[in-house]
Amino acid sequence: MAMPGEWKEAEFACLFREHYGRILGVARRIVGNHPEAEEICAETFWRLYRSGAQITSTTRVYGWLYRTATRAAIDVLRARQRKPQEQITGMLDPEDHGESPLDSLLRREQIDRVRGMLAQLDVEKAQILLLRHEAMSYMEVAEIMCVRPGSVGTMLARAEEAFCKVYRRQVTGNERTPDILVAKEER
């Protein structure tokens, strides 16, 4: 018999089966590496298990899992920035889009640059940008982030502004670059 707050094996297994694929997908899109994403996913579910079954009565499980997994994935990105990994040259993205090796390499570099910029943001700002990138509605974002739906637009605008500052700093070395100059550089 389970103690109050402890998981019943079948209950936890059901939650695991229901959410594992989505959480693994989120982690993989952030870190871009399947083995690291699996580690993040395993750690996320371990944290859920240690938190106890009472978490299902106090919060939406998917939102909790999403926030926990994205925080862990962003921590991985930050660790990469502190300790650069050796890049394996010639390794193409597993999601080959029928592009040339050069195009694939350029796309991969751009994705890595965006991941690096996300790692420089506050976790909540990175999370809200990732949620909108997943094409979630404001209501879904609000539910996952545990905020009022009316706050999502403001939070998103602030996150986009912070991302643009990081981008400008990276491109020009100055976060106050006029928008017209950034637009010219992007062409």
Protein backbone atom coordinates (compact mmCIF):
# COMPACT_ATOMS: atom_id res chain seq x y z
CA MET A 1 0.00 0.00 0.00
CA ALA A 2 1.38 3.42 -1.01
CA MET A 3 1.88 6.11 1.60
CA PRO A 4 0.19 9.48 1.00
CA GLY A 5 2.26 11.37 -1.59
CA GLU A 6 3.91 8.21 -2.91
CA TRP A 7 3.30 7.07 -6.45
CA LYS A 8 1.31 4.03 -7.33
CA GLU A 9 3.42 2.24 -9.91
CA ALA A 10 0.61 2.07 -12.50
CA GLU A 11 -0.21 5.78 -12.07
CA PHE A 12 3.38 6.88 -12.61
CA ALA A 13 3.83 4.47 -15.55
CA CYS A 14 0.73 5.94 -17.18
CA LEU A 15 2.03 9.51 -16.79
CA PHE A 16 5.41 8.43 -18.11
CA ARG A 17 3.92 6.82 -21.22
CA GLU A 18 1.62 9.79 -21.82
CA HIS A 19 4.28 12.51 -21.60
CA TYR A 20 7.67 10.90 -22.35
CA GLY A 21 7.61 11.44 -26.12
CA ARG A 22 6.66 15.13 -25.91
CA ILE A 23 9.17 15.89 -23.18
CA LEU A 24 11.92 14.04 -25.05
CA GLY A 25 11.06 16.03 -28.18
CA VAL A 26 11.22 19.33 -26.30
CA ALA A 27 14.60 18.49 -24.78
CA ARG A 28 16.00 17.29 -28.12
CA ARG A 29 14.94 20.44 -29.91
CA ILE A 30 16.66 22.55 -27.29
CA VAL A 31 19.94 20.65 -26.96
CA GLY A 32 20.01 19.16 -30.46
CA ASN A 33 21.39 15.88 -29.23
CA HIS A 34 19.32 12.75 -28.68
CA PRO A 35 21.48 11.12 -25.95
CA GLU A 36 21.57 14.36 -23.93
CA ALA A 37 17.83 14.78 -24.44
CA GLU A 38 17.24 11.27 -23.09
CA GLU A 39 19.33 12.11 -20.00
CA ILE A 40 17.35 15.33 -19.48
CA CYS A 41 14.09 13.44 -19.89
CA ALA A 42 15.15 10.74 -17.44
CA GLU A 43 16.21 13.36 -14.89
CA THR A 44 12.91 15.21 -15.36
CA PHE A 45 10.84 12.11 -14.69
CA TRP A 46 13.08 11.18 -11.75
CA ARG A 47 12.39 14.62 -10.26
CA LEU A 48 8.67 14.07 -10.79
CA TYR A 49 8.88 10.70 -9.08
CA ARG A 50 10.81 12.15 -6.12
CA SER A 51 8.31 15.01 -5.83
CA GLY A 52 5.58 12.52 -5.10
CA ALA A 53 2.08 11.92 -6.34
CA GLN A 54 0.72 15.01 -4.59
CA ILE A 55 2.14 17.06 -7.46
CA THR A 56 -0.71 15.85 -9.69
CA SER A 57 -3.23 17.46 -7.39
CA THR A 58 -1.43 20.80 -7.11
CA THR A 59 -0.33 21.45 -10.68
CA ARG A 60 -0.77 20.37 -14.27
CA VAL A 61 1.73 17.58 -14.83
CA TYR A 62 2.65 18.47 -18.42
CA GLY A 63 3.38 22.08 -17.48
CA TRP A 64 5.53 20.97 -14.58
CA LEU A 65 7.40 18.47 -16.77
CA TYR A 66 7.86 21.05 -19.54
CA ARG A 67 9.25 23.70 -17.18
CA THR A 68 11.55 21.19 -15.48
CA ALA A 69 12.84 19.74 -18.76
CA THR A 70 13.44 23.12 -20.41
CA ARG A 71 15.30 24.39 -17.35
CA ALA A 72 17.51 21.29 -17.43
CA ALA A 73 18.07 21.65 -21.18
CA ILE A 74 18.99 25.33 -20.85
CA ASP A 75 21.43 24.36 -18.10
CA VAL A 76 23.04 21.95 -20.59
CA LEU A 77 23.33 24.79 -23.14
CA ARG A 78 24.92 27.04 -20.53
CA ALA A 79 27.39 24.32 -19.55
CA ARG A 80 28.35 23.99 -23.22
CA GLN A 81 29.13 27.70 -23.35
CA ARG A 82 31.36 27.45 -20.30
CA LYS A 83 33.13 24.38 -21.64
CA PRO A 84 32.99 24.21 -25.44
CA GLN A 85 32.66 20.73 -26.83
CA GLU A 86 34.63 19.45 -29.79
CA GLN A 87 32.43 19.58 -32.84
CA ILE A 88 32.38 16.50 -34.99
CA THR A 89 32.96 17.80 -38.48
CA GLY A 90 31.01 16.28 -41.28
CA MET A 91 28.23 15.07 -38.97
CA LEU A 92 24.92 15.96 -40.57
CA ASP A 93 21.73 16.62 -38.70
CA PRO A 94 19.71 13.41 -38.41
CA GLU A 95 16.77 15.32 -39.83
CA ASP A 96 18.26 15.59 -43.31
CA HIS A 97 16.10 17.99 -45.27
CA GLY A 98 17.49 16.94 -48.66
CA GLU A 99 19.97 19.79 -48.64
CA SER A 100 23.60 19.90 -49.62
CA PRO A 101 26.26 19.23 -46.99
CA LEU A 102 27.22 22.93 -47.06
CA ASP A 103 23.60 24.05 -46.54
CA SER A 104 23.22 21.50 -43.76
CA LEU A 105 26.38 22.78 -42.06
CA LEU A 106 25.25 26.41 -42.35
CA ARG A 107 21.80 25.53 -40.95
CA ARG A 108 23.45 23.61 -38.09
CA GLU A 109 25.68 26.61 -37.26
CA GLN A 110 22.65 28.90 -37.24
CA ILE A 111 20.75 26.54 -34.93
CA ASP A 112 23.77 26.34 -32.60
CA ARG A 113 23.98 30.16 -32.56
CA VAL A 114 20.30 30.43 -31.58
CA ARG A 115 20.79 27.82 -28.85
CA GLY A 116 23.71 29.84 -27.51
CA MET A 117 21.61 32.99 -27.46
CA LEU A 118 18.76 31.20 -25.66
CA ALA A 119 21.25 30.03 -23.03
CA GLN A 120 22.09 33.69 -22.29
CA LEU A 121 18.47 34.57 -21.50
CA ASP A 122 16.64 34.20 -18.21
CA VAL A 123 15.08 30.74 -18.10
CA GLU A 124 11.51 32.05 -18.15
CA LYS A 125 12.20 34.18 -21.23
CA ALA A 126 13.79 31.27 -23.06
CA GLN A 127 10.89 29.02 -22.06
CA ILE A 128 8.21 31.38 -23.35
CA LEU A 129 10.04 31.82 -26.67
CA LEU A 130 10.33 28.05 -27.02
CA LEU A 131 6.64 27.59 -26.25
CA ARG A 132 5.60 30.09 -28.92
CA HIS A 133 8.02 28.43 -31.34
CA GLU A 134 6.09 25.23 -30.66
CA ALA A 135 3.04 27.12 -32.03
CA MET A 136 1.20 26.96 -28.71
CA SER A 137 -1.65 29.36 -28.09
CA TYR A 138 -1.46 32.05 -25.42
CA MET A 139 -3.83 29.94 -23.30
CA GLU A 140 -1.55 26.89 -23.56
CA VAL A 141 1.51 29.01 -22.79
CA ALA A 142 -0.23 30.54 -19.77
CA GLU A 143 -1.17 27.11 -18.46
CA ILE A 144 2.35 25.71 -18.80
CA MET A 145 4.03 28.83 -17.39
CA CYS A 146 1.45 29.12 -14.57
CA VAL A 147 0.60 32.73 -15.42
CA ARG A 148 -2.56 34.59 -16.38
CA PRO A 149 -3.36 34.44 -20.12
CA GLY A 150 -3.38 38.24 -20.23
CA SER A 151 0.27 38.29 -19.15
CA VAL A 152 1.56 36.12 -21.98
CA GLY A 153 1.73 38.90 -24.60
CA THR A 154 3.77 41.15 -22.33
CA MET A 155 6.06 38.31 -21.28
CA LEU A 156 6.56 37.31 -24.90
CA ALA A 157 7.36 40.88 -25.96
CA ARG A 158 9.92 41.19 -23.16
CA ALA A 159 11.47 37.84 -24.08
CA GLU A 160 11.71 38.86 -27.75
CA GLU A 161 13.31 42.16 -26.75
CA ALA A 162 15.87 40.34 -24.58
CA PHE A 163 16.62 37.90 -27.40
CA CYS A 164 17.12 40.82 -29.82
CA LYS A 165 19.57 42.45 -27.39
CA VAL A 166 21.59 39.24 -27.20
CA TYR A 167 21.46 38.97 -30.99
CA ARG A 168 22.61 42.56 -31.51
CA ARG A 169 25.40 42.12 -28.97
CA GLN A 170 26.56 38.99 -30.78
CA VAL A 171 26.34 40.47 -34.29
CA THR A 172 27.65 43.98 -33.62
CA GLY A 173 29.10 43.93 -30.12
CA ASN A 174 26.55 46.58 -29.13
CA GLU A 175 23.04 45.80 -27.93
CA ARG A 176 21.82 49.30 -28.80
CA THR A 177 22.36 48.99 -32.55
CA PRO A 178 19.58 50.77 -34.43
CA ASP A 179 17.03 48.34 -35.85
CA ILE A 180 17.63 49.63 -39.38
CA LEU A 181 21.27 48.45 -39.24
CA VAL A 182 20.28 45.01 -37.97
CA ALA A 183 17.69 44.71 -40.75
CA LYS A 184 20.36 45.55 -43.36
CA GLU A 185 22.74 42.95 -41.95
CA GLU A 186 20.08 40.26 -42.17
CA ARG A 187 19.60 40.76 -45.92
